[in-house]
């Protein structure tokens, strides 16, 4: 009888460990605070950081890690970034599966080559792309990780 109960306890512990691992890893279909789209992993909460200037937005995205903003994916500081202008334009066309998407502008990591003091932002309402001053413009932050 003791062997049976030890085996059952062992199976229960093993199942619990596997379940908790699934919640902390980036496994497709398992809720962990992210949405995977192609080779990109987006933060599911599209308004975790509110509006910030571009430098603060870059820092906020880079500081994101598991345990913040509803993430349980095991990610670490430095794995997240702002999306490129093109990635945001594509996202503006399909916001399904995300929480708290604002019908306003979001910063991209893309800077405006014509104006060093400016970076590109994208409207999640219309997909319109705009260049604004990094220091005194405030837009939303939507971190992404994965391919460039």
C-alpha atoms as a PDB file:
ATOM      1  CA  UNK A   1       0.000   0.000   0.000  1.00  0.00           C
ATOM      2  CA  UNK A   2       2.845   2.369   0.802  1.00  0.00           C
ATOM      3  CA  UNK A   3       4.333   1.900  -2.705  1.00  0.00           C
ATOM      4  CA  UNK A   4       1.007   2.803  -4.339  1.00  0.00           C
ATOM      5  CA  UNK A   5       0.570   6.014  -2.331  1.00  0.00           C
ATOM      6  CA  UNK A   6       4.193   6.999  -2.991  1.00  0.00           C
ATOM      7  CA  UNK A   7       3.664   6.452  -6.715  1.00  0.00           C
ATOM      8  CA  UNK A   8       0.442   8.483  -6.683  1.00  0.00           C
ATOM      9  CA  UNK A   9       2.095  11.318  -4.757  1.00  0.00           C
ATOM     10  CA  UNK A  10       4.997  11.230  -7.205  1.00  0.00           C
ATOM     11  CA  UNK A  11       2.633  11.473 -10.184  1.00  0.00           C
ATOM     12  CA  UNK A  12       0.728  14.365  -8.592  1.00  0.00           C
ATOM     13  CA  UNK A  13       3.966  16.269  -7.864  1.00  0.00           C
ATOM     14  CA  UNK A  14       5.200  15.609 -11.407  1.00  0.00           C
ATOM     15  CA  UNK A  15       1.899  16.844 -12.877  1.00  0.00           C
ATOM     16  CA  UNK A  16       2.011  19.993 -10.723  1.00  0.00           C
ATOM     17  CA  UNK A  17       5.585  20.726 -11.816  1.00  0.00           C
ATOM     18  CA  UNK A  18       4.698  20.290 -15.497  1.00  0.00           C
ATOM     19  CA  UNK A  19       1.621  22.511 -15.124  1.00  0.00           C
ATOM     20  CA  UNK A  20       3.590  25.300 -13.427  1.00  0.00           C
ATOM     21  CA  UNK A  21       6.311  25.032 -16.095  1.00  0.00           C
ATOM     22  CA  UNK A  22       3.700  25.430 -18.840  1.00  0.00           C
ATOM     23  CA  UNK A  23       2.497  28.654 -17.223  1.00  0.00           C
ATOM     24  CA  UNK A  24       5.999  30.090 -16.994  1.00  0.00           C
ATOM     25  CA  UNK A  25       7.254  29.165 -20.456  1.00  0.00           C
ATOM     26  CA  UNK A  26       6.295  30.622 -23.806  1.00  0.00           C
ATOM     27  CA  UNK A  27       4.239  27.674 -25.052  1.00  0.00           C
ATOM     28  CA  UNK A  28       1.733  28.440 -27.830  1.00  0.00           C
ATOM     29  CA  UNK A  29      -1.846  28.272 -26.615  1.00  0.00           C
ATOM     30  CA  UNK A  30      -0.909  28.548 -22.940  1.00  0.00           C
ATOM     31  CA  UNK A  31      -1.882  31.910 -21.398  1.00  0.00           C
ATOM     32  CA  UNK A  32       1.237  33.712 -20.188  1.00  0.00           C
ATOM     33  CA  UNK A  33       0.567  37.397 -20.882  1.00  0.00           C
ATOM     34  CA  UNK A  34       1.779  37.283 -24.486  1.00  0.00           C
ATOM     35  CA  UNK A  35       0.369  36.893 -27.973  1.00  0.00           C
ATOM     36  CA  UNK A  36       2.568  35.241 -30.601  1.00  0.00           C
ATOM     37  CA  UNK A  37       2.245  36.466 -34.172  1.00  0.00           C
ATOM     38  CA  UNK A  38       4.680  34.890 -36.622  1.00  0.00           C
ATOM     39  CA  UNK A  39       8.164  35.260 -35.176  1.00  0.00           C
ATOM     40  CA  UNK A  40       7.133  38.089 -32.811  1.00  0.00           C
ATOM     41  CA  UNK A  41       5.860  37.831 -29.259  1.00  0.00           C
ATOM     42  CA  UNK A  42       3.760  40.826 -28.211  1.00  0.00           C
ATOM     43  CA  UNK A  43       2.798  41.870 -24.702  1.00  0.00           C
ATOM     44  CA  UNK A  44      -0.906  41.027 -24.438  1.00  0.00           C
ATOM     45  CA  UNK A  45      -1.582  44.154 -22.348  1.00  0.00           C
ATOM     46  CA  UNK A  46      -1.223  47.016 -24.838  1.00  0.00           C
ATOM     47  CA  UNK A  47      -1.398  49.664 -22.105  1.00  0.00           C
ATOM     48  CA  UNK A  48       0.818  48.543 -19.262  1.00  0.00           C
ATOM     49  CA  UNK A  49       3.078  51.614 -19.254  1.00  0.00           C
ATOM     50  CA  UNK A  50       0.721  54.439 -20.231  1.00  0.00           C
ATOM     51  CA  UNK A  51       2.007  57.385 -22.259  1.00  0.00           C
ATOM     52  CA  UNK A  52       5.711  58.262 -22.176  1.00  0.00           C
ATOM     53  CA  UNK A  53       8.230  60.188 -24.197  1.00  0.00           C
ATOM     54  CA  UNK A  54      10.308  58.111 -26.619  1.00  0.00           C
ATOM     55  CA  UNK A  55      13.382  57.625 -24.399  1.00  0.00           C
ATOM     56  CA  UNK A  56      11.235  56.554 -21.452  1.00  0.00           C
ATOM     57  CA  UNK A  57       9.242  54.261 -23.763  1.00  0.00           C
ATOM     58  CA  UNK A  58      12.459  52.609 -24.975  1.00  0.00           C
ATOM     59  CA  UNK A  59      13.597  52.126 -21.346  1.00  0.00           C
ATOM     60  CA  UNK A  60      10.212  50.795 -20.220  1.00  0.00           C
ATOM     61  CA  UNK A  61      10.135  48.198 -22.995  1.00  0.00           C
ATOM     62  CA  UNK A  62      13.723  47.100 -22.295  1.00  0.00           C
ATOM     63  CA  UNK A  63      13.015  46.770 -18.553  1.00  0.00           C
ATOM     64  CA  UNK A  64       9.995  44.488 -19.024  1.00  0.00           C
ATOM     65  CA  UNK A  65      10.301  40.992 -17.532  1.00  0.00           C
ATOM     66  CA  UNK A  66       8.198  38.093 -16.344  1.00  0.00           C
ATOM     67  CA  UNK A  67       6.168  39.098 -13.301  1.00  0.00           C
ATOM     68  CA  UNK A  68       5.331  42.533 -14.753  1.00  0.00           C
ATOM     69  CA  UNK A  69       2.259  43.530 -16.778  1.00  0.00           C
ATOM     70  CA  UNK A  70       0.633  40.102 -16.430  1.00  0.00           C
ATOM     71  CA  UNK A  71       3.648  38.230 -17.850  1.00  0.00           C
ATOM     72  CA  UNK A  72       4.377  34.687 -16.692  1.00  0.00           C
ATOM     73  CA  UNK A  73       6.520  33.749 -19.693  1.00  0.00           C
ATOM     74  CA  UNK A  74       9.923  33.584 -17.991  1.00  0.00           C
ATOM     75  CA  UNK A  75      11.241  36.543 -20.008  1.00  0.00           C
ATOM     76  CA  UNK A  76      14.080  38.629 -18.635  1.00  0.00           C
ATOM     77  CA  UNK A  77      15.082  42.296 -18.702  1.00  0.00           C
ATOM     78  CA  UNK A  78      16.574  43.162 -22.085  1.00  0.00           C
ATOM     79  CA  UNK A  79      14.511  40.707 -24.151  1.00  0.00           C
ATOM     80  CA  UNK A  80      11.714  43.184 -24.892  1.00  0.00           C
ATOM     81  CA  UNK A  81      11.851  46.268 -27.131  1.00  0.00           C
ATOM     82  CA  UNK A  82       9.620  48.693 -28.975  1.00  0.00           C
ATOM     83  CA  UNK A  83       8.338  47.346 -32.300  1.00  0.00           C
ATOM     84  CA  UNK A  84       9.480  48.842 -35.581  1.00  0.00           C
ATOM     85  CA  UNK A  85       7.239  51.251 -37.455  1.00  0.00           C
ATOM     86  CA  UNK A  86       6.278  48.511 -39.953  1.00  0.00           C
ATOM     87  CA  UNK A  87       5.476  46.018 -37.190  1.00  0.00           C
ATOM     88  CA  UNK A  88       3.141  48.549 -35.563  1.00  0.00           C
ATOM     89  CA  UNK A  89       1.439  49.346 -38.861  1.00  0.00           C
ATOM     90  CA  UNK A  90       0.728  45.616 -39.352  1.00  0.00           C
ATOM     91  CA  UNK A  91      -0.506  45.337 -35.750  1.00  0.00           C
ATOM     92  CA  UNK A  92      -2.899  48.280 -36.250  1.00  0.00           C
ATOM     93  CA  UNK A  93      -4.744  46.137 -38.814  1.00  0.00           C
ATOM     94  CA  UNK A  94      -5.284  43.242 -36.392  1.00  0.00           C
ATOM     95  CA  UNK A  95      -5.595  43.884 -32.676  1.00  0.00           C
ATOM     96  CA  UNK A  96      -7.565  40.712 -31.946  1.00  0.00           C
ATOM     97  CA  UNK A  97      -6.520  38.826 -28.806  1.00  0.00           C
ATOM     98  CA  UNK A  98      -4.996  41.838 -27.038  1.00  0.00           C
ATOM     99  CA  UNK A  99      -6.145  43.771 -23.967  1.00  0.00           C
ATOM    100  CA  UNK A 100      -6.298  47.535 -23.418  1.00  0.00           C
ATOM    101  CA  UNK A 101      -5.424  48.616 -26.965  1.00  0.00           C
ATOM    102  CA  UNK A 102      -5.800  52.390 -27.098  1.00  0.00           C
ATOM    103  CA  UNK A 103      -7.243  54.135 -30.166  1.00  0.00           C
ATOM    104  CA  UNK A 104      -4.263  56.464 -30.085  1.00  0.00           C
ATOM    105  CA  UNK A 105      -0.599  56.570 -31.104  1.00  0.00           C
ATOM    106  CA  UNK A 106       2.090  54.104 -30.012  1.00  0.00           C
ATOM    107  CA  UNK A 107       5.842  54.690 -30.242  1.00  0.00           C
ATOM    108  CA  UNK A 108       7.949  52.618 -32.596  1.00  0.00           C
ATOM    109  CA  UNK A 109      11.683  52.000 -32.273  1.00  0.00           C
ATOM    110  CA  UNK A 110      12.161  53.519 -35.739  1.00  0.00           C
ATOM    111  CA  UNK A 111      13.752  56.933 -35.781  1.00  0.00           C
ATOM    112  CA  UNK A 112      13.131  59.536 -38.455  1.00  0.00           C
ATOM    113  CA  UNK A 113      16.305  59.687 -40.582  1.00  0.00           C
ATOM    114  CA  UNK A 114      15.450  63.241 -41.648  1.00  0.00           C
ATOM    115  CA  UNK A 115      15.139  64.517 -38.079  1.00  0.00           C
ATOM    116  CA  UNK A 116      17.435  62.998 -35.442  1.00  0.00           C
ATOM    117  CA  UNK A 117      15.250  64.369 -32.662  1.00  0.00           C
ATOM    118  CA  UNK A 118      12.167  62.517 -33.967  1.00  0.00           C
ATOM    119  CA  UNK A 119      10.847  58.965 -34.042  1.00  0.00           C
ATOM    120  CA  UNK A 120       7.875  57.331 -35.764  1.00  0.00           C
ATOM    121  CA  UNK A 121       4.598  56.593 -34.024  1.00  0.00           C
ATOM    122  CA  UNK A 122       1.556  54.730 -35.342  1.00  0.00           C
ATOM    123  CA  UNK A 123      -2.154  55.206 -34.675  1.00  0.00           C
ATOM    124  CA  UNK A 124      -3.892  52.012 -33.588  1.00  0.00           C
ATOM    125  CA  UNK A 125      -7.166  53.555 -34.735  1.00  0.00           C
ATOM    126  CA  UNK A 126      -6.229  54.310 -38.341  1.00  0.00           C
ATOM    127  CA  UNK A 127      -2.743  52.904 -38.962  1.00  0.00           C
ATOM    128  CA  UNK A 128      -1.585  56.445 -39.737  1.00  0.00           C
ATOM    129  CA  UNK A 129       2.179  56.925 -39.319  1.00  0.00           C
ATOM    130  CA  UNK A 130       3.550  60.154 -37.891  1.00  0.00           C
ATOM    131  CA  UNK A 131       6.979  61.512 -36.915  1.00  0.00           C
ATOM    132  CA  UNK A 132       7.206  63.371 -33.606  1.00  0.00           C
ATOM    133  CA  UNK A 133       9.824  64.787 -31.295  1.00  0.00           C
ATOM    134  CA  UNK A 134      11.205  62.133 -28.958  1.00  0.00           C
ATOM    135  CA  UNK A 135      11.529  64.382 -25.913  1.00  0.00           C
ATOM    136  CA  UNK A 136       8.272  66.283 -25.744  1.00  0.00           C
ATOM    137  CA  UNK A 137       5.745  63.928 -27.361  1.00  0.00           C
ATOM    138  CA  UNK A 138       3.978  61.312 -25.266  1.00  0.00           C
ATOM    139  CA  UNK A 139       2.566  58.110 -26.743  1.00  0.00           C
ATOM    140  CA  UNK A 140       1.770  54.582 -25.620  1.00  0.00           C
ATOM    141  CA  UNK A 141       4.291  51.755 -25.201  1.00  0.00           C
ATOM    142  CA  UNK A 142       3.597  48.268 -26.606  1.00  0.00           C
ATOM    143  CA  UNK A 143       6.608  45.972 -26.127  1.00  0.00           C
ATOM    144  CA  UNK A 144       7.494  43.104 -28.418  1.00  0.00           C
ATOM    145  CA  UNK A 145      10.253  40.495 -28.479  1.00  0.00           C
ATOM    146  CA  UNK A 146      11.556  38.189 -31.150  1.00  0.00           C
ATOM    147  CA  UNK A 147      12.655  38.816 -34.716  1.00  0.00           C
ATOM    148  CA  UNK A 148      13.487  42.194 -36.172  1.00  0.00           C
END
